[in-house]
């Protein structure tokens, strides 16, 4: 939750909920789910979870489909060149845009033909 814009919001919600539990003595179940949380034990401690009974951690062996991990290295030093789009990508974007507008034109034409002209 550190170094993220959502972190302070989540922390304040959890802290207020824990304070309410302590004040009213009414138990509330907090469920925290994350796909990528390397410090899950720290978060469990913050949420006042008994790590031996209430913390459940599932690694990649529980996935129904194996997860492939790859690291892509960027060798370009200049930030602007990293994000430049090649001519093939521009052509693909152009084709997708033209296809989309043809589809929209077809739908509008079909609507006008079926509902207005008939």
Protein backbone atom coordinates (compact mmCIF):
# COMPACT_ATOMS: atom_id res chain seq x y z
CA UNK A 1 0.00 0.00 0.00
CA UNK A 2 3.03 2.25 0.20
CA UNK A 3 3.89 4.58 -2.67
CA UNK A 4 0.43 4.31 -4.19
CA UNK A 5 -2.38 6.85 -4.41
CA UNK A 6 -4.86 4.30 -3.02
CA UNK A 7 -2.68 3.45 -0.02
CA UNK A 8 -3.70 6.29 2.31
CA UNK A 9 -7.39 5.75 1.54
CA UNK A 10 -7.20 2.03 2.30
CA UNK A 11 -5.16 2.63 5.44
CA UNK A 12 -7.65 5.18 6.77
CA UNK A 13 -10.60 2.83 6.09
CA UNK A 14 -8.87 -0.04 7.88
CA UNK A 15 -7.79 2.18 10.78
CA UNK A 16 -11.30 3.60 11.25
CA UNK A 17 -12.81 0.12 11.10
CA UNK A 18 -10.36 -1.17 13.71
CA UNK A 19 -11.10 1.83 15.93
CA UNK A 20 -14.85 1.14 15.63
CA UNK A 21 -14.30 -2.53 16.52
CA UNK A 22 -12.33 -1.51 19.62
CA UNK A 23 -14.95 1.04 20.66
CA UNK A 24 -18.10 -1.04 20.11
CA UNK A 25 -16.66 -4.53 20.70
CA UNK A 26 -18.63 -5.71 17.64
CA UNK A 27 -16.54 -7.97 15.46
CA UNK A 28 -16.21 -7.17 11.79
CA UNK A 29 -14.59 -9.39 9.17
CA UNK A 30 -12.02 -7.60 7.04
CA UNK A 31 -11.08 -9.35 3.84
CA UNK A 32 -8.07 -8.08 1.95
CA UNK A 33 -7.37 -9.41 -1.54
CA UNK A 34 -4.48 -8.54 -3.78
CA UNK A 35 -2.92 -10.11 -6.83
CA UNK A 36 0.49 -8.64 -6.06
CA UNK A 37 1.26 -7.86 -2.45
CA UNK A 38 4.82 -8.69 -1.45
CA UNK A 39 4.44 -7.43 2.14
CA UNK A 40 1.23 -9.30 2.96
CA UNK A 41 2.50 -10.13 6.47
CA UNK A 42 3.00 -6.42 7.27
CA UNK A 43 -0.50 -5.66 6.00
CA UNK A 44 -1.91 -8.52 8.10
CA UNK A 45 -0.17 -7.13 11.18
CA UNK A 46 -1.61 -3.67 10.44
CA UNK A 47 -5.09 -5.21 10.12
CA UNK A 48 -4.57 -6.95 13.50
CA UNK A 49 -4.77 -10.43 11.99
CA UNK A 50 -3.56 -13.43 13.97
CA UNK A 51 -1.02 -14.62 11.40
CA UNK A 52 -1.13 -18.23 12.58
CA UNK A 53 -4.94 -18.55 12.22
CA UNK A 54 -6.31 -15.80 10.01
CA UNK A 55 -3.78 -15.18 7.27
CA UNK A 56 -4.12 -17.17 4.05
CA UNK A 57 -1.53 -16.89 1.31
CA UNK A 58 -1.85 -18.63 -2.05
CA UNK A 59 1.15 -18.86 -4.33
CA UNK A 60 1.31 -19.77 -8.03
CA UNK A 61 0.71 -23.47 -7.32
CA UNK A 62 -2.99 -22.73 -6.69
CA UNK A 63 -3.56 -21.18 -10.12
CA UNK A 64 -5.71 -23.23 -12.52
CA UNK A 65 -3.60 -21.87 -15.40
CA UNK A 66 0.15 -21.39 -14.97
CA UNK A 67 1.34 -17.82 -14.90
CA UNK A 68 4.17 -16.94 -17.26
CA UNK A 69 6.49 -14.23 -16.03
CA UNK A 70 8.84 -12.32 -18.29
CA UNK A 71 11.10 -9.35 -17.77
CA UNK A 72 11.43 -6.88 -20.59
CA UNK A 73 14.53 -4.74 -20.51
CA UNK A 74 14.55 -1.26 -21.98
CA UNK A 75 17.90 -0.20 -23.34
CA UNK A 76 16.89 3.21 -24.71
CA UNK A 77 18.09 6.02 -22.45
CA UNK A 78 15.92 8.82 -23.85
CA UNK A 79 12.37 8.77 -22.52
CA UNK A 80 10.77 10.12 -25.71
CA UNK A 81 12.33 7.42 -27.89
CA UNK A 82 11.04 4.68 -25.59
CA UNK A 83 7.46 5.53 -26.44
CA UNK A 84 7.81 6.21 -30.16
CA UNK A 85 5.52 4.12 -32.28
CA UNK A 86 6.89 2.35 -35.35
CA UNK A 87 5.29 2.50 -38.81
CA UNK A 88 3.72 -0.97 -38.49
CA UNK A 89 1.99 0.05 -35.25
CA UNK A 90 0.72 3.27 -36.89
CA UNK A 91 -0.67 1.24 -39.80
CA UNK A 92 -2.41 -1.17 -37.41
CA UNK A 93 -3.96 1.71 -35.47
CA UNK A 94 -5.12 3.31 -38.72
CA UNK A 95 -6.70 0.06 -39.95
CA UNK A 96 -8.47 -0.47 -36.62
CA UNK A 97 -9.77 3.11 -36.65
CA UNK A 98 -11.07 2.84 -40.21
CA UNK A 99 -12.67 -0.51 -39.40
CA UNK A 100 -14.39 0.97 -36.37
CA UNK A 101 -15.81 3.89 -38.34
CA UNK A 102 -17.00 1.55 -41.09
CA UNK A 103 -18.77 -0.54 -38.47
CA UNK A 104 -20.40 2.56 -36.94
CA UNK A 105 -21.48 3.73 -40.40
CA UNK A 106 -22.97 0.29 -41.12
CA UNK A 107 -24.90 0.27 -37.82
CA UNK A 108 -26.26 3.77 -38.41
CA UNK A 109 -27.21 2.87 -41.99
CA UNK A 110 -28.93 -0.32 -40.80
CA UNK A 111 -30.83 1.63 -38.15
CA UNK A 112 -31.97 4.26 -40.65
CA UNK A 113 -32.96 1.64 -43.20
CA UNK A 114 -34.91 -0.52 -40.76
CA UNK A 115 -36.65 2.10 -38.64
CA UNK A 116 -36.83 5.30 -40.64
CA UNK A 117 -37.19 4.29 -44.26
CA UNK A 118 -39.56 1.40 -43.74
